């Protein structure tokens, strides 16, 4: 089995400095720890400093412009607030290594519009195409002063940054044709009208994560409710990305969607137990945890 993961690897602000992040980074870390081969295709800036974090990954790393830089704040009982300081150039399909265009799974995992969906659908492939929806609905909003956020949760952001906002994704069902799996969170559908309905109509398998309430998996339009593996949250960043990567990998491997979602919930419970991707070394615990994730 061969998996190609595509998207920006980011600099994520933490008090101690930059930590590698982004949906593609978390996804690549997950896929690399699963049976089969995986490859990360990313664009980072010449200023990228988290080289050690990706050194063990099989990757094509194109260095252009500036690295995408985020800061994530988690106000109690409220949705995440995300700030953007810089963004890297687009990841074009022409950058795909020839040996990976025929991957069994192409996992498109953008963070802020760096992938052209129509162009990537045109990449010659023989396997599954999976997408993380969030990268097509996020955009840089107005500049704000982050000082109040920094007082509540220190991240080390400078004088100003753009607040990340959601823009309507007016993708049609025809434009979604050819996608086999779509992953998104309940935050991603805020203000998006009937986006979830369009996805469920056009995409055979849709995974909607519901934070501490688990996930809802749509298979040919029919919903399956999946629970969680309870744990203590240290850092929720990356939970949805790890869920998505684990889910799509296990679908590729032939598991039923409900079983794939149980493994995904288990993996998400592991990554949130430490900062960034540090806990992913423990993904071997997934099988035991998945057995305790309820269905229905």
C-alpha atoms as a PDB file:
ATOM      1  CA  UNK A   1       0.000   0.000   0.000  1.00  0.00           C
ATOM      2  CA  UNK A   2       1.270   3.468  -0.951  1.00  0.00           C
ATOM      3  CA  UNK A   3      -0.025   6.740   0.486  1.00  0.00           C
ATOM      4  CA  UNK A   4       0.790  10.264  -0.696  1.00  0.00           C
ATOM      5  CA  UNK A   5       0.007  13.048   1.801  1.00  0.00           C
ATOM      6  CA  UNK A   6      -0.120  16.620   0.478  1.00  0.00           C
ATOM      7  CA  UNK A   7      -0.246  20.012   2.206  1.00  0.00           C
ATOM      8  CA  UNK A   8       1.754  22.607   4.108  1.00  0.00           C
ATOM      9  CA  UNK A   9       3.893  21.683   7.081  1.00  0.00           C
ATOM     10  CA  UNK A  10       3.527  24.683   9.351  1.00  0.00           C
ATOM     11  CA  UNK A  11       5.252  26.468  12.175  1.00  0.00           C
ATOM     12  CA  UNK A  12       2.849  26.330  15.130  1.00  0.00           C
ATOM     13  CA  UNK A  13       3.513  28.853  17.888  1.00  0.00           C
ATOM     14  CA  UNK A  14       4.026  27.528  21.418  1.00  0.00           C
ATOM     15  CA  UNK A  15       5.520  29.355  24.374  1.00  0.00           C
ATOM     16  CA  UNK A  16       8.795  27.465  23.958  1.00  0.00           C
ATOM     17  CA  UNK A  17       9.021  28.265  20.234  1.00  0.00           C
ATOM     18  CA  UNK A  18       7.914  26.785  16.920  1.00  0.00           C
ATOM     19  CA  UNK A  19       6.597  23.225  16.699  1.00  0.00           C
ATOM     20  CA  UNK A  20       5.902  21.528  13.356  1.00  0.00           C
ATOM     21  CA  UNK A  21       2.203  21.324  12.575  1.00  0.00           C
ATOM     22  CA  UNK A  22      -0.418  21.266   9.865  1.00  0.00           C
ATOM     23  CA  UNK A  23      -2.829  18.592   8.702  1.00  0.00           C
ATOM     24  CA  UNK A  24      -0.301  17.116   6.274  1.00  0.00           C
ATOM     25  CA  UNK A  25       2.371  16.905   8.980  1.00  0.00           C
ATOM     26  CA  UNK A  26       0.127  15.076  11.412  1.00  0.00           C
ATOM     27  CA  UNK A  27      -1.207  12.942   8.590  1.00  0.00           C
ATOM     28  CA  UNK A  28       2.265  12.007   7.379  1.00  0.00           C
ATOM     29  CA  UNK A  29       3.304  11.079  10.911  1.00  0.00           C
ATOM     30  CA  UNK A  30       0.296   8.785  11.199  1.00  0.00           C
ATOM     31  CA  UNK A  31       0.652   7.181   7.768  1.00  0.00           C
ATOM     32  CA  UNK A  32       4.375   6.568   8.353  1.00  0.00           C
ATOM     33  CA  UNK A  33       3.501   4.488  11.409  1.00  0.00           C
ATOM     34  CA  UNK A  34       1.031   2.281   9.546  1.00  0.00           C
ATOM     35  CA  UNK A  35       1.751  -0.740   7.330  1.00  0.00           C
ATOM     36  CA  UNK A  36       2.807   0.188   3.805  1.00  0.00           C
ATOM     37  CA  UNK A  37       4.750   3.058   2.269  1.00  0.00           C
ATOM     38  CA  UNK A  38       3.983   6.761   2.613  1.00  0.00           C
ATOM     39  CA  UNK A  39       5.349  10.004   1.203  1.00  0.00           C
ATOM     40  CA  UNK A  40       4.796  13.633   2.195  1.00  0.00           C
ATOM     41  CA  UNK A  41       4.686  16.368  -0.440  1.00  0.00           C
ATOM     42  CA  UNK A  42       4.912  19.824   1.086  1.00  0.00           C
ATOM     43  CA  UNK A  43       6.005  23.409   0.520  1.00  0.00           C
ATOM     44  CA  UNK A  44       7.721  25.269   3.351  1.00  0.00           C
ATOM     45  CA  UNK A  45       9.656  28.516   3.423  1.00  0.00           C
ATOM     46  CA  UNK A  46      13.393  29.080   3.400  1.00  0.00           C
ATOM     47  CA  UNK A  47      12.850  30.054   7.047  1.00  0.00           C
ATOM     48  CA  UNK A  48      11.608  26.582   8.092  1.00  0.00           C
ATOM     49  CA  UNK A  49      13.271  25.537  11.363  1.00  0.00           C
ATOM     50  CA  UNK A  50      11.497  22.277  12.274  1.00  0.00           C
ATOM     51  CA  UNK A  51      13.658  20.075  10.078  1.00  0.00           C
ATOM     52  CA  UNK A  52      14.205  17.481  12.801  1.00  0.00           C
ATOM     53  CA  UNK A  53      10.439  16.902  12.999  1.00  0.00           C
ATOM     54  CA  UNK A  54      10.264  15.739   9.379  1.00  0.00           C
ATOM     55  CA  UNK A  55      13.724  14.184   9.076  1.00  0.00           C
ATOM     56  CA  UNK A  56      12.431  10.636   9.539  1.00  0.00           C
ATOM     57  CA  UNK A  57       9.629  11.029   6.996  1.00  0.00           C
ATOM     58  CA  UNK A  58       9.960  10.041   3.356  1.00  0.00           C
ATOM     59  CA  UNK A  59       9.231  13.460   1.884  1.00  0.00           C
ATOM     60  CA  UNK A  60       9.547  15.891  -0.978  1.00  0.00           C
ATOM     61  CA  UNK A  61      10.085  19.263   0.700  1.00  0.00           C
ATOM     62  CA  UNK A  62       9.996  22.261  -1.641  1.00  0.00           C
ATOM     63  CA  UNK A  63      11.396  25.440  -0.084  1.00  0.00           C
ATOM     64  CA  UNK A  64       9.828  28.636  -1.382  1.00  0.00           C
ATOM     65  CA  UNK A  65       8.868  31.951   0.198  1.00  0.00           C
ATOM     66  CA  UNK A  66       7.859  31.867   3.858  1.00  0.00           C
ATOM     67  CA  UNK A  67       6.612  29.019   6.029  1.00  0.00           C
ATOM     68  CA  UNK A  68       2.938  29.036   7.022  1.00  0.00           C
ATOM     69  CA  UNK A  69       2.768  30.151  10.672  1.00  0.00           C
ATOM     70  CA  UNK A  70      -0.208  29.585  12.998  1.00  0.00           C
ATOM     71  CA  UNK A  71      -1.029  30.170  16.639  1.00  0.00           C
ATOM     72  CA  UNK A  72      -3.894  28.258  18.237  1.00  0.00           C
ATOM     73  CA  UNK A  73      -5.786  29.491  21.286  1.00  0.00           C
ATOM     74  CA  UNK A  74      -8.397  27.456  23.141  1.00  0.00           C
ATOM     75  CA  UNK A  75     -10.733  29.663  25.239  1.00  0.00           C
ATOM     76  CA  UNK A  76     -12.661  27.528  27.754  1.00  0.00           C
ATOM     77  CA  UNK A  77     -15.990  26.383  26.326  1.00  0.00           C
ATOM     78  CA  UNK A  78     -15.484  28.214  23.028  1.00  0.00           C
ATOM     79  CA  UNK A  79     -14.263  27.294  19.546  1.00  0.00           C
ATOM     80  CA  UNK A  80     -10.571  27.542  18.826  1.00  0.00           C
ATOM     81  CA  UNK A  81      -9.200  30.938  17.825  1.00  0.00           C
ATOM     82  CA  UNK A  82      -6.503  30.645  15.181  1.00  0.00           C
ATOM     83  CA  UNK A  83      -4.090  33.357  14.072  1.00  0.00           C
ATOM     84  CA  UNK A  84      -2.016  33.376  10.883  1.00  0.00           C
ATOM     85  CA  UNK A  85       1.317  35.199  10.642  1.00  0.00           C
ATOM     86  CA  UNK A  86       2.509  33.992   7.223  1.00  0.00           C
ATOM     87  CA  UNK A  87       1.611  31.520   4.487  1.00  0.00           C
ATOM     88  CA  UNK A  88       3.706  29.479   2.069  1.00  0.00           C
ATOM     89  CA  UNK A  89       3.059  29.181  -1.684  1.00  0.00           C
ATOM     90  CA  UNK A  90       0.625  26.725  -3.270  1.00  0.00           C
ATOM     91  CA  UNK A  91       1.460  23.029  -3.516  1.00  0.00           C
ATOM     92  CA  UNK A  92       1.063  22.315  -7.215  1.00  0.00           C
ATOM     93  CA  UNK A  93       0.403  18.810  -8.591  1.00  0.00           C
ATOM     94  CA  UNK A  94       3.433  19.230 -10.874  1.00  0.00           C
ATOM     95  CA  UNK A  95       5.602  18.800  -7.767  1.00  0.00           C
ATOM     96  CA  UNK A  96       4.393  15.216  -7.315  1.00  0.00           C
ATOM     97  CA  UNK A  97       7.209  12.676  -7.682  1.00  0.00           C
ATOM     98  CA  UNK A  98       6.439  10.339 -10.585  1.00  0.00           C
ATOM     99  CA  UNK A  99       6.684   7.282  -8.349  1.00  0.00           C
ATOM    100  CA  UNK A 100       3.841   8.552  -6.154  1.00  0.00           C
ATOM    101  CA  UNK A 101       1.231   9.603  -8.717  1.00  0.00           C
ATOM    102  CA  UNK A 102      -0.115   6.035  -8.675  1.00  0.00           C
ATOM    103  CA  UNK A 103      -0.493   5.825  -4.889  1.00  0.00           C
ATOM    104  CA  UNK A 104      -3.222   3.622  -3.444  1.00  0.00           C
ATOM    105  CA  UNK A 105      -4.337   6.659  -1.442  1.00  0.00           C
ATOM    106  CA  UNK A 106      -3.809  10.348  -2.127  1.00  0.00           C
ATOM    107  CA  UNK A 107      -4.644  12.261   1.032  1.00  0.00           C
ATOM    108  CA  UNK A 108      -5.117  15.989   0.429  1.00  0.00           C
ATOM    109  CA  UNK A 109      -4.627  17.767   3.749  1.00  0.00           C
ATOM    110  CA  UNK A 110      -4.448  21.540   3.239  1.00  0.00           C
ATOM    111  CA  UNK A 111      -4.549  24.107   6.028  1.00  0.00           C
ATOM    112  CA  UNK A 112      -5.299  27.390   4.276  1.00  0.00           C
ATOM    113  CA  UNK A 113      -6.102  27.085   0.586  1.00  0.00           C
ATOM    114  CA  UNK A 114      -2.753  25.778  -0.655  1.00  0.00           C
ATOM    115  CA  UNK A 115      -4.283  23.029  -2.808  1.00  0.00           C
ATOM    116  CA  UNK A 116      -6.371  23.513  -5.943  1.00  0.00           C
ATOM    117  CA  UNK A 117      -8.933  20.720  -5.680  1.00  0.00           C
ATOM    118  CA  UNK A 118      -9.735  20.539  -9.390  1.00  0.00           C
ATOM    119  CA  UNK A 119      -6.056  20.352 -10.289  1.00  0.00           C
ATOM    120  CA  UNK A 120      -5.384  17.617  -7.745  1.00  0.00           C
ATOM    121  CA  UNK A 121      -8.380  15.607  -8.911  1.00  0.00           C
ATOM    122  CA  UNK A 122      -6.676  15.542 -12.294  1.00  0.00           C
ATOM    123  CA  UNK A 123      -3.576  13.774 -10.998  1.00  0.00           C
ATOM    124  CA  UNK A 124      -3.339  10.331 -12.542  1.00  0.00           C
ATOM    125  CA  UNK A 125      -4.220   7.796  -9.867  1.00  0.00           C
ATOM    126  CA  UNK A 126      -5.490   4.266  -9.404  1.00  0.00           C
ATOM    127  CA  UNK A 127      -6.559   4.353  -5.760  1.00  0.00           C
ATOM    128  CA  UNK A 128      -8.584   6.418  -3.315  1.00  0.00           C
ATOM    129  CA  UNK A 129      -8.729  10.196  -3.037  1.00  0.00           C
ATOM    130  CA  UNK A 130      -9.358  11.586   0.465  1.00  0.00           C
ATOM    131  CA  UNK A 131      -9.663  15.222   1.528  1.00  0.00           C
ATOM    132  CA  UNK A 132      -9.545  17.178   4.769  1.00  0.00           C
ATOM    133  CA  UNK A 133     -12.168  19.862   4.197  1.00  0.00           C
ATOM    134  CA  UNK A 134     -10.794  22.510   6.572  1.00  0.00           C
ATOM    135  CA  UNK A 135      -8.105  23.755   4.183  1.00  0.00           C
ATOM    136  CA  UNK A 136     -10.676  24.930   1.647  1.00  0.00           C
ATOM    137  CA  UNK A 137     -12.800  26.937   4.071  1.00  0.00           C
ATOM    138  CA  UNK A 138     -10.098  28.867   5.947  1.00  0.00           C
ATOM    139  CA  UNK A 139      -8.733  32.246   4.941  1.00  0.00           C
ATOM    140  CA  UNK A 140      -6.731  35.096   6.420  1.00  0.00           C
ATOM    141  CA  UNK A 141      -9.109  37.618   7.974  1.00  0.00           C
ATOM    142  CA  UNK A 142      -8.450  41.031   9.489  1.00  0.00           C
ATOM    143  CA  UNK A 143      -5.280  41.871  11.359  1.00  0.00           C
ATOM    144  CA  UNK A 144      -5.748  41.884  15.120  1.00  0.00           C
ATOM    145  CA  UNK A 145      -3.737  42.671  18.219  1.00  0.00           C
ATOM    146  CA  UNK A 146      -3.099  39.290  19.904  1.00  0.00           C
ATOM    147  CA  UNK A 147      -2.141  40.729  23.298  1.00  0.00           C
ATOM    148  CA  UNK A 148      -5.391  39.755  25.060  1.00  0.00           C
ATOM    149  CA  UNK A 149      -5.142  36.204  23.727  1.00  0.00           C
ATOM    150  CA  UNK A 150      -1.485  36.059  24.727  1.00  0.00           C
ATOM    151  CA  UNK A 151      -2.323  37.089  28.280  1.00  0.00           C
ATOM    152  CA  UNK A 152      -4.725  34.151  28.591  1.00  0.00           C
ATOM    153  CA  UNK A 153      -2.597  31.571  26.768  1.00  0.00           C
ATOM    154  CA  UNK A 154       1.000  32.405  25.927  1.00  0.00           C
ATOM    155  CA  UNK A 155       2.010  31.485  22.373  1.00  0.00           C
ATOM    156  CA  UNK A 156       4.685  34.036  21.530  1.00  0.00           C
ATOM    157  CA  UNK A 157       2.892  35.841  18.706  1.00  0.00           C
ATOM    158  CA  UNK A 158       4.251  39.259  17.769  1.00  0.00           C
ATOM    159  CA  UNK A 159       2.551  42.636  17.469  1.00  0.00           C
ATOM    160  CA  UNK A 160      -0.107  41.722  14.897  1.00  0.00           C
ATOM    161  CA  UNK A 161      -1.437  38.678  13.071  1.00  0.00           C
ATOM    162  CA  UNK A 162      -4.406  37.798  10.892  1.00  0.00           C
ATOM    163  CA  UNK A 163      -7.321  36.065  12.533  1.00  0.00           C
ATOM    164  CA  UNK A 164      -8.236  32.968  10.546  1.00  0.00           C
ATOM    165  CA  UNK A 165     -11.832  33.127   9.353  1.00  0.00           C
ATOM    166  CA  UNK A 166     -14.098  30.723   7.535  1.00  0.00           C
ATOM    167  CA  UNK A 167     -15.186  31.556   4.023  1.00  0.00           C
ATOM    168  CA  UNK A 168     -18.123  29.826   2.330  1.00  0.00           C
ATOM    169  CA  UNK A 169     -16.959  26.864   0.278  1.00  0.00           C
ATOM    170  CA  UNK A 170     -19.375  26.904  -2.631  1.00  0.00           C
ATOM    171  CA  UNK A 171     -18.148  23.639  -4.073  1.00  0.00           C
ATOM    172  CA  UNK A 172     -20.797  21.810  -6.101  1.00  0.00           C
ATOM    173  CA  UNK A 173     -21.658  18.133  -5.978  1.00  0.00           C
ATOM    174  CA  UNK A 174     -20.246  17.797  -9.495  1.00  0.00           C
ATOM    175  CA  UNK A 175     -16.947  19.294  -8.328  1.00  0.00           C
ATOM    176  CA  UNK A 176     -16.868  16.782  -5.459  1.00  0.00           C
ATOM    177  CA  UNK A 177     -17.317  13.832  -7.806  1.00  0.00           C
ATOM    178  CA  UNK A 178     -14.261  11.589  -7.731  1.00  0.00           C
ATOM    179  CA  UNK A 179     -13.522  12.144  -4.053  1.00  0.00           C
ATOM    180  CA  UNK A 180     -13.850   8.901  -2.116  1.00  0.00           C
ATOM    181  CA  UNK A 181     -13.541  10.105   1.489  1.00  0.00           C
ATOM    182  CA  UNK A 182     -14.063  13.529   3.077  1.00  0.00           C
ATOM    183  CA  UNK A 183     -13.141  14.413   6.663  1.00  0.00           C
ATOM    184  CA  UNK A 184     -14.270  17.506   8.552  1.00  0.00           C
ATOM    185  CA  UNK A 185     -15.212  18.744  12.014  1.00  0.00           C
ATOM    186  CA  UNK A 186     -18.356  20.324  13.378  1.00  0.00           C
ATOM    187  CA  UNK A 187     -16.451  23.635  13.510  1.00  0.00           C
ATOM    188  CA  UNK A 188     -15.876  23.386   9.768  1.00  0.00           C
ATOM    189  CA  UNK A 189     -19.595  23.507   8.946  1.00  0.00           C
ATOM    190  CA  UNK A 190     -20.330  26.688  10.928  1.00  0.00           C
ATOM    191  CA  UNK A 191     -21.707  29.222   8.456  1.00  0.00           C
ATOM    192  CA  UNK A 192     -21.323  26.789   5.545  1.00  0.00           C
ATOM    193  CA  UNK A 193     -25.007  26.337   4.723  1.00  0.00           C
ATOM    194  CA  UNK A 194     -25.699  22.921   3.221  1.00  0.00           C
ATOM    195  CA  UNK A 195     -22.030  21.961   2.759  1.00  0.00           C
ATOM    196  CA  UNK A 196     -22.403  18.799   4.829  1.00  0.00           C
ATOM    197  CA  UNK A 197     -25.432  17.776   2.758  1.00  0.00           C
ATOM    198  CA  UNK A 198     -23.473  18.317  -0.456  1.00  0.00           C
ATOM    199  CA  UNK A 199     -20.588  16.228   0.837  1.00  0.00           C
ATOM    200  CA  UNK A 200     -22.846  13.404   1.977  1.00  0.00           C
ATOM    201  CA  UNK A 201     -24.638  13.425  -1.380  1.00  0.00           C
ATOM    202  CA  UNK A 202     -21.486  13.388  -3.513  1.00  0.00           C
ATOM    203  CA  UNK A 203     -18.827  11.572  -1.459  1.00  0.00           C
ATOM    204  CA  UNK A 204     -19.262   7.862  -0.594  1.00  0.00           C
ATOM    205  CA  UNK A 205     -17.734   8.146   2.902  1.00  0.00           C
ATOM    206  CA  UNK A 206     -17.823  11.298   5.056  1.00  0.00           C
ATOM    207  CA  UNK A 207     -16.367  11.522   8.566  1.00  0.00           C
ATOM    208  CA  UNK A 208     -17.664  14.363  10.766  1.00  0.00           C
ATOM    209  CA  UNK A 209     -15.862  14.737  14.097  1.00  0.00           C
ATOM    210  CA  UNK A 210     -17.856  16.085  17.030  1.00  0.00           C
ATOM    211  CA  UNK A 211     -15.127  16.865  19.566  1.00  0.00           C
ATOM    212  CA  UNK A 212     -15.795  15.153  22.918  1.00  0.00           C
ATOM    213  CA  UNK A 213     -19.069  13.729  21.540  1.00  0.00           C
ATOM    214  CA  UNK A 214     -17.253  11.440  19.124  1.00  0.00           C
ATOM    215  CA  UNK A 215     -17.896  11.325  15.397  1.00  0.00           C
ATOM    216  CA  UNK A 216     -20.615  10.663  12.856  1.00  0.00           C
ATOM    217  CA  UNK A 217     -19.678   8.587   9.829  1.00  0.00           C
ATOM    218  CA  UNK A 218     -21.831   8.775   6.705  1.00  0.00           C
ATOM    219  CA  UNK A 219     -21.646   5.767   4.389  1.00  0.00           C
ATOM    220  CA  UNK A 220     -23.684   6.154   1.202  1.00  0.00           C
ATOM    221  CA  UNK A 221     -25.705   8.773   3.079  1.00  0.00           C
ATOM    222  CA  UNK A 222     -26.465   6.678   6.167  1.00  0.00           C
ATOM    223  CA  UNK A 223     -25.071   7.846   9.522  1.00  0.00           C
ATOM    224  CA  UNK A 224     -23.193   5.772  12.103  1.00  0.00           C
ATOM    225  CA  UNK A 225     -22.457   7.248  15.543  1.00  0.00           C
ATOM    226  CA  UNK A 226     -18.994   6.579  17.005  1.00  0.00           C
ATOM    227  CA  UNK A 227     -17.917   7.393  20.561  1.00  0.00           C
ATOM    228  CA  UNK A 228     -14.559   8.368  22.048  1.00  0.00           C
ATOM    229  CA  UNK A 229     -11.826   6.916  24.204  1.00  0.00           C
ATOM    230  CA  UNK A 230     -11.905   9.181  27.307  1.00  0.00           C
ATOM    231  CA  UNK A 231      -8.571  10.689  28.330  1.00  0.00           C
ATOM    232  CA  UNK A 232      -6.969  13.818  29.777  1.00  0.00           C
ATOM    233  CA  UNK A 233      -6.386  16.569  27.225  1.00  0.00           C
ATOM    234  CA  UNK A 234      -2.986  18.279  27.264  1.00  0.00           C
ATOM    235  CA  UNK A 235      -3.121  19.819  23.770  1.00  0.00           C
ATOM    236  CA  UNK A 236      -6.077  19.310  21.386  1.00  0.00           C
ATOM    237  CA  UNK A 237      -4.110  20.541  18.364  1.00  0.00           C
ATOM    238  CA  UNK A 238      -3.907  17.860  15.700  1.00  0.00           C
ATOM    239  CA  UNK A 239      -6.697  15.661  17.029  1.00  0.00           C
ATOM    240  CA  UNK A 240      -8.861  16.044  13.929  1.00  0.00           C
ATOM    241  CA  UNK A 241      -5.887  15.625  11.606  1.00  0.00           C
ATOM    242  CA  UNK A 242      -4.813  12.414  13.339  1.00  0.00           C
ATOM    243  CA  UNK A 243      -8.399  11.135  13.276  1.00  0.00           C
ATOM    244  CA  UNK A 244      -8.637  11.816   9.542  1.00  0.00           C
ATOM    245  CA  UNK A 245      -5.332  10.174   8.639  1.00  0.00           C
ATOM    246  CA  UNK A 246      -6.005   7.098  10.748  1.00  0.00           C
ATOM    247  CA  UNK A 247      -9.521   6.804   9.361  1.00  0.00           C
ATOM    248  CA  UNK A 248      -8.584   7.047   5.689  1.00  0.00           C
ATOM    249  CA  UNK A 249      -5.635   4.673   6.120  1.00  0.00           C
ATOM    250  CA  UNK A 250      -7.830   1.984   7.633  1.00  0.00           C
ATOM    251  CA  UNK A 251     -10.446   2.461   4.904  1.00  0.00           C
ATOM    252  CA  UNK A 252      -7.680   1.933   2.339  1.00  0.00           C
ATOM    253  CA  UNK A 253      -6.614  -1.172   4.269  1.00  0.00           C
ATOM    254  CA  UNK A 254     -10.104  -2.634   3.893  1.00  0.00           C
ATOM    255  CA  UNK A 255     -11.731  -2.017   7.276  1.00  0.00           C
ATOM    256  CA  UNK A 256     -15.417  -1.210   7.542  1.00  0.00           C
ATOM    257  CA  UNK A 257     -15.981   2.530   8.135  1.00  0.00           C
ATOM    258  CA  UNK A 258     -17.213   2.008  11.719  1.00  0.00           C
ATOM    259  CA  UNK A 259     -14.116   0.001  12.610  1.00  0.00           C
ATOM    260  CA  UNK A 260     -11.859   2.533  10.887  1.00  0.00           C
ATOM    261  CA  UNK A 261     -13.505   5.284  12.933  1.00  0.00           C
ATOM    262  CA  UNK A 262     -12.894   3.405  16.180  1.00  0.00           C
ATOM    263  CA  UNK A 263      -9.182   3.231  15.359  1.00  0.00           C
ATOM    264  CA  UNK A 264      -9.278   6.924  14.423  1.00  0.00           C
ATOM    265  CA  UNK A 265     -10.883   7.853  17.745  1.00  0.00           C
ATOM    266  CA  UNK A 266      -8.224   5.842  19.548  1.00  0.00           C
ATOM    267  CA  UNK A 267      -5.414   7.606  17.679  1.00  0.00           C
ATOM    268  CA  UNK A 268      -6.927  11.027  18.384  1.00  0.00           C
ATOM    269  CA  UNK A 269      -7.082  10.174  22.087  1.00  0.00           C
ATOM    270  CA  UNK A 270      -3.340   9.516  22.048  1.00  0.00           C
ATOM    271  CA  UNK A 271      -2.160  12.679  20.280  1.00  0.00           C
ATOM    272  CA  UNK A 272      -4.039  14.997  22.668  1.00  0.00           C
ATOM    273  CA  UNK A 273      -2.171  13.558  25.657  1.00  0.00           C
ATOM    274  CA  UNK A 274       0.969  15.594  24.841  1.00  0.00           C
ATOM    275  CA  UNK A 275       2.063  18.732  23.002  1.00  0.00           C
ATOM    276  CA  UNK A 276       2.039  18.679  19.201  1.00  0.00           C
ATOM    277  CA  UNK A 277       2.861  15.306  17.677  1.00  0.00           C
ATOM    278  CA  UNK A 278       5.004  14.028  20.560  1.00  0.00           C
ATOM    279  CA  UNK A 279       2.558  11.316  21.635  1.00  0.00           C
ATOM    280  CA  UNK A 280       2.311   9.744  18.179  1.00  0.00           C
ATOM    281  CA  UNK A 281       5.195   7.434  19.061  1.00  0.00           C
ATOM    282  CA  UNK A 282       2.552   5.586  21.087  1.00  0.00           C
ATOM    283  CA  UNK A 283       0.186   4.803  18.218  1.00  0.00           C
ATOM    284  CA  UNK A 284       0.785   1.141  18.944  1.00  0.00           C
ATOM    285  CA  UNK A 285      -1.765   1.579  21.738  1.00  0.00           C
ATOM    286  CA  UNK A 286      -4.533   2.156  19.183  1.00  0.00           C
ATOM    287  CA  UNK A 287      -5.779  -1.407  18.897  1.00  0.00           C
ATOM    288  CA  UNK A 288      -6.423  -1.808  22.617  1.00  0.00           C
ATOM    289  CA  UNK A 289      -8.074   1.606  22.850  1.00  0.00           C
ATOM    290  CA  UNK A 290     -10.182   1.093  19.707  1.00  0.00           C
ATOM    291  CA  UNK A 291     -11.788  -1.962  21.267  1.00  0.00           C
ATOM    292  CA  UNK A 292     -13.193   0.328  23.970  1.00  0.00           C
ATOM    293  CA  UNK A 293     -14.646   2.955  21.609  1.00  0.00           C
ATOM    294  CA  UNK A 294     -18.437   2.517  21.443  1.00  0.00           C
ATOM    295  CA  UNK A 295     -20.472   2.347  18.238  1.00  0.00           C
ATOM    296  CA  UNK A 296     -24.068   3.516  18.038  1.00  0.00           C
END
